[in-house]
Amino acid sequence: MDTPTYLRRHQAADFLQDRFGFGTTETLAKLACVGGGPRFRKLGRFPVYTADDLQAWAESRLSDPVASTSEYAE
């Protein structure tokens, strides 16, 4: 079994920015409080994320591909 690499919040935000073009440290902090963000764990007092959890969360936010905005009205 591979041991996952844990990313601190600023590293997680960089990961999301590099791959998806969105995500900030502040957004991840807020979503950790109110819910709706990627899964995380606590390592002592620090929240840590795995790349797999970040990837799954970001992909869950993406819509299906469309050719025009009118397709969203269906």
N, C-alpha and C. Protein backbone atom coordinates (compact mmCIF):
# COMPACT_ATOMS: atom_id res chain seq x y z
N MET A 1 0.85 -1.18 0.00
CA MET A 1 0.00 0.00 0.00
C MET A 1 0.89 1.24 0.00
N ASP A 2 0.60 2.17 -0.90
CA ASP A 2 1.36 3.42 -0.97
C ASP A 2 0.90 4.37 0.12
N THR A 3 1.84 4.98 0.77
CA THR A 3 1.53 5.99 1.77
C THR A 3 1.29 7.31 1.05
N PRO A 4 0.13 7.95 1.28
CA PRO A 4 -0.13 9.21 0.59
C PRO A 4 0.76 10.33 1.10
N THR A 5 1.00 11.28 0.23
CA THR A 5 1.71 12.49 0.62
C THR A 5 0.67 13.49 1.11
N TYR A 6 0.92 14.03 2.26
CA TYR A 6 -0.01 14.99 2.83
C TYR A 6 0.46 16.40 2.53
N LEU A 7 -0.47 17.22 2.06
CA LEU A 7 -0.18 18.60 1.68
C LEU A 7 -0.77 19.54 2.72
N ARG A 8 0.05 20.50 3.17
CA ARG A 8 -0.48 21.54 4.03
C ARG A 8 -1.41 22.42 3.20
N ARG A 9 -2.18 23.27 3.86
CA ARG A 9 -3.22 24.03 3.17
C ARG A 9 -2.67 24.89 2.04
N HIS A 10 -1.55 25.55 2.23
CA HIS A 10 -1.01 26.39 1.16
C HIS A 10 -0.53 25.52 -0.02
N GLN A 11 -0.04 24.33 0.26
CA GLN A 11 0.36 23.42 -0.81
C GLN A 11 -0.88 22.89 -1.56
N ALA A 12 -1.95 22.63 -0.81
CA ALA A 12 -3.20 22.16 -1.42
C ALA A 12 -3.76 23.24 -2.35
N ALA A 13 -3.71 24.49 -1.91
CA ALA A 13 -4.19 25.59 -2.76
C ALA A 13 -3.35 25.70 -4.02
N ASP A 14 -2.04 25.54 -3.90
CA ASP A 14 -1.16 25.56 -5.07
C ASP A 14 -1.50 24.41 -6.02
N PHE A 15 -1.75 23.24 -5.47
CA PHE A 15 -2.14 22.07 -6.27
C PHE A 15 -3.39 22.37 -7.08
N LEU A 16 -4.41 22.93 -6.43
CA LEU A 16 -5.66 23.25 -7.12
C LEU A 16 -5.46 24.34 -8.17
N GLN A 17 -4.66 25.34 -7.85
CA GLN A 17 -4.38 26.41 -8.82
C GLN A 17 -3.66 25.86 -10.05
N ASP A 18 -2.66 25.04 -9.83
CA ASP A 18 -1.87 24.48 -10.94
C ASP A 18 -2.70 23.60 -11.86
N ARG A 19 -3.59 22.81 -11.29
CA ARG A 19 -4.32 21.83 -12.09
C ARG A 19 -5.68 22.31 -12.58
N PHE A 20 -6.32 23.18 -11.80
CA PHE A 20 -7.69 23.57 -12.13
C PHE A 20 -7.89 25.08 -12.27
N GLY A 21 -6.93 25.87 -11.84
CA GLY A 21 -7.04 27.32 -11.97
C GLY A 21 -7.92 27.98 -10.94
N PHE A 22 -8.22 27.29 -9.85
CA PHE A 22 -8.98 27.91 -8.77
C PHE A 22 -8.55 27.31 -7.44
N GLY A 23 -8.90 28.02 -6.38
CA GLY A 23 -8.59 27.55 -5.04
C GLY A 23 -7.55 28.44 -4.38
N THR A 24 -7.88 28.88 -3.18
CA THR A 24 -6.94 29.68 -2.40
C THR A 24 -6.89 29.12 -0.99
N THR A 25 -5.86 29.50 -0.27
CA THR A 25 -5.72 29.08 1.12
C THR A 25 -6.93 29.54 1.93
N GLU A 26 -7.38 30.77 1.67
CA GLU A 26 -8.51 31.32 2.41
C GLU A 26 -9.79 30.54 2.12
N THR A 27 -10.00 30.17 0.86
CA THR A 27 -11.19 29.41 0.49
C THR A 27 -11.18 28.05 1.17
N LEU A 28 -10.05 27.37 1.15
CA LEU A 28 -9.96 26.06 1.80
C LEU A 28 -10.21 26.18 3.30
N ALA A 29 -9.71 27.24 3.92
CA ALA A 29 -9.93 27.44 5.35
C ALA A 29 -11.41 27.65 5.65
N LYS A 30 -12.07 28.47 4.84
CA LYS A 30 -13.50 28.72 5.06
C LYS A 30 -14.31 27.44 4.86
N LEU A 31 -14.02 26.71 3.77
CA LEU A 31 -14.77 25.48 3.50
C LEU A 31 -14.53 24.42 4.56
N ALA A 32 -13.36 24.44 5.19
CA ALA A 32 -13.10 23.50 6.29
C ALA A 32 -14.01 23.80 7.48
N CYS A 33 -14.40 25.06 7.64
CA CYS A 33 -15.28 25.46 8.75
C CYS A 33 -16.75 25.24 8.42
N VAL A 34 -17.17 25.65 7.22
CA VAL A 34 -18.59 25.63 6.89
C VAL A 34 -19.01 24.37 6.14
N GLY A 35 -18.05 23.63 5.63
CA GLY A 35 -18.36 22.42 4.87
C GLY A 35 -18.39 22.68 3.38
N GLY A 36 -18.37 21.61 2.62
CA GLY A 36 -18.44 21.71 1.18
C GLY A 36 -17.09 21.67 0.48
N GLY A 37 -16.02 21.61 1.24
CA GLY A 37 -14.68 21.58 0.66
C GLY A 37 -14.15 20.16 0.53
N PRO A 38 -12.91 20.06 0.14
CA PRO A 38 -12.30 18.73 0.03
C PRO A 38 -12.09 18.11 1.41
N ARG A 39 -12.04 16.77 1.42
CA ARG A 39 -11.77 16.05 2.67
C ARG A 39 -10.36 16.39 3.13
N PHE A 40 -10.20 16.46 4.44
CA PHE A 40 -8.88 16.71 5.00
C PHE A 40 -8.74 15.95 6.30
N ARG A 41 -7.54 15.89 6.78
CA ARG A 41 -7.23 15.26 8.05
C ARG A 41 -6.49 16.28 8.90
N LYS A 42 -6.39 16.00 10.18
CA LYS A 42 -5.61 16.86 11.05
C LYS A 42 -4.32 16.13 11.41
N LEU A 43 -3.23 16.84 11.27
CA LEU A 43 -1.92 16.35 11.68
C LEU A 43 -1.48 17.29 12.79
N GLY A 44 -1.78 16.90 14.02
CA GLY A 44 -1.61 17.83 15.13
C GLY A 44 -2.64 18.93 14.98
N ARG A 45 -2.19 20.15 14.89
CA ARG A 45 -3.13 21.26 14.72
C ARG A 45 -3.27 21.69 13.27
N PHE A 46 -2.56 21.00 12.37
CA PHE A 46 -2.56 21.40 10.96
C PHE A 46 -3.50 20.55 10.12
N PRO A 47 -4.36 21.18 9.32
CA PRO A 47 -5.15 20.42 8.36
C PRO A 47 -4.25 20.00 7.19
N VAL A 48 -4.38 18.76 6.76
CA VAL A 48 -3.59 18.27 5.63
C VAL A 48 -4.54 17.57 4.65
N TYR A 49 -4.16 17.62 3.39
CA TYR A 49 -4.97 17.11 2.29
C TYR A 49 -4.13 16.12 1.49
N THR A 50 -4.81 15.18 0.81
CA THR A 50 -4.11 14.33 -0.15
C THR A 50 -4.46 14.81 -1.56
N ALA A 51 -3.57 14.55 -2.49
CA ALA A 51 -3.83 14.93 -3.88
C ALA A 51 -5.08 14.23 -4.40
N ASP A 52 -5.29 12.98 -4.01
CA ASP A 52 -6.48 12.25 -4.47
C ASP A 52 -7.76 12.92 -3.99
N ASP A 53 -7.79 13.35 -2.73
CA ASP A 53 -8.99 14.03 -2.20
C ASP A 53 -9.22 15.37 -2.88
N LEU A 54 -8.14 16.11 -3.14
CA LEU A 54 -8.26 17.39 -3.83
C LEU A 54 -8.75 17.20 -5.25
N GLN A 55 -8.20 16.22 -5.94
CA GLN A 55 -8.59 15.91 -7.32
C GLN A 55 -10.07 15.53 -7.39
N ALA A 56 -10.50 14.64 -6.49
CA ALA A 56 -11.90 14.19 -6.48
C ALA A 56 -12.84 15.35 -6.20
N TRP A 57 -12.49 16.21 -5.26
CA TRP A 57 -13.34 17.35 -4.93
C TRP A 57 -13.45 18.32 -6.10
N ALA A 58 -12.32 18.64 -6.72
CA ALA A 58 -12.33 19.58 -7.85
C ALA A 58 -13.14 19.02 -9.01
N GLU A 59 -12.95 17.74 -9.31
CA GLU A 59 -13.71 17.13 -10.41
C GLU A 59 -15.20 17.07 -10.10
N SER A 60 -15.57 16.93 -8.84
CA SER A 60 -16.99 16.90 -8.47
C SER A 60 -17.66 18.25 -8.70
N ARG A 61 -16.87 19.30 -8.77
CA ARG A 61 -17.41 20.65 -8.99
C ARG A 61 -17.57 20.97 -10.47
N LEU A 62 -16.96 20.17 -11.35
CA LEU A 62 -17.03 20.42 -12.79
C LEU A 62 -18.34 19.93 -13.36
N SER A 63 -18.89 20.68 -14.30
CA SER A 63 -20.10 20.24 -14.99
C SER A 63 -19.70 19.32 -16.13
N ASP A 64 -20.70 18.70 -16.74
CA ASP A 64 -20.46 17.97 -17.97
C ASP A 64 -20.14 18.98 -19.06
N PRO A 65 -19.40 18.56 -20.09
CA PRO A 65 -19.09 19.50 -21.17
C PRO A 65 -20.35 19.93 -21.93
N VAL A 66 -20.41 21.19 -22.30
CA VAL A 66 -21.52 21.72 -23.08
C VAL A 66 -20.97 22.58 -24.21
N ALA A 67 -21.79 22.79 -25.23
CA ALA A 67 -21.38 23.62 -26.36
C ALA A 67 -21.85 25.06 -26.20
N SER A 68 -22.89 25.28 -25.36
CA SER A 68 -23.36 26.64 -25.14
C SER A 68 -24.06 26.71 -23.79
N THR A 69 -24.21 27.92 -23.27
CA THR A 69 -24.86 28.08 -21.97
C THR A 69 -26.33 27.70 -22.00
N SER A 70 -26.94 27.70 -23.17
CA SER A 70 -28.36 27.31 -23.24
C SER A 70 -28.57 25.85 -22.88
N GLU A 71 -27.54 25.04 -22.96
CA GLU A 71 -27.68 23.64 -22.59
C GLU A 71 -27.89 23.46 -21.09
N TYR A 72 -27.54 24.44 -20.28
CA TYR A 72 -27.77 24.36 -18.85
C TYR A 72 -29.23 24.50 -18.50
N ALA A 73 -30.03 25.08 -19.38
CA ALA A 73 -31.46 25.32 -19.10
C ALA A 73 -32.28 24.05 -19.23
N GLU A 74 -31.73 23.02 -19.79
CA GLU A 74 -32.50 21.77 -20.01
C GLU A 74 -32.76 21.03 -18.75
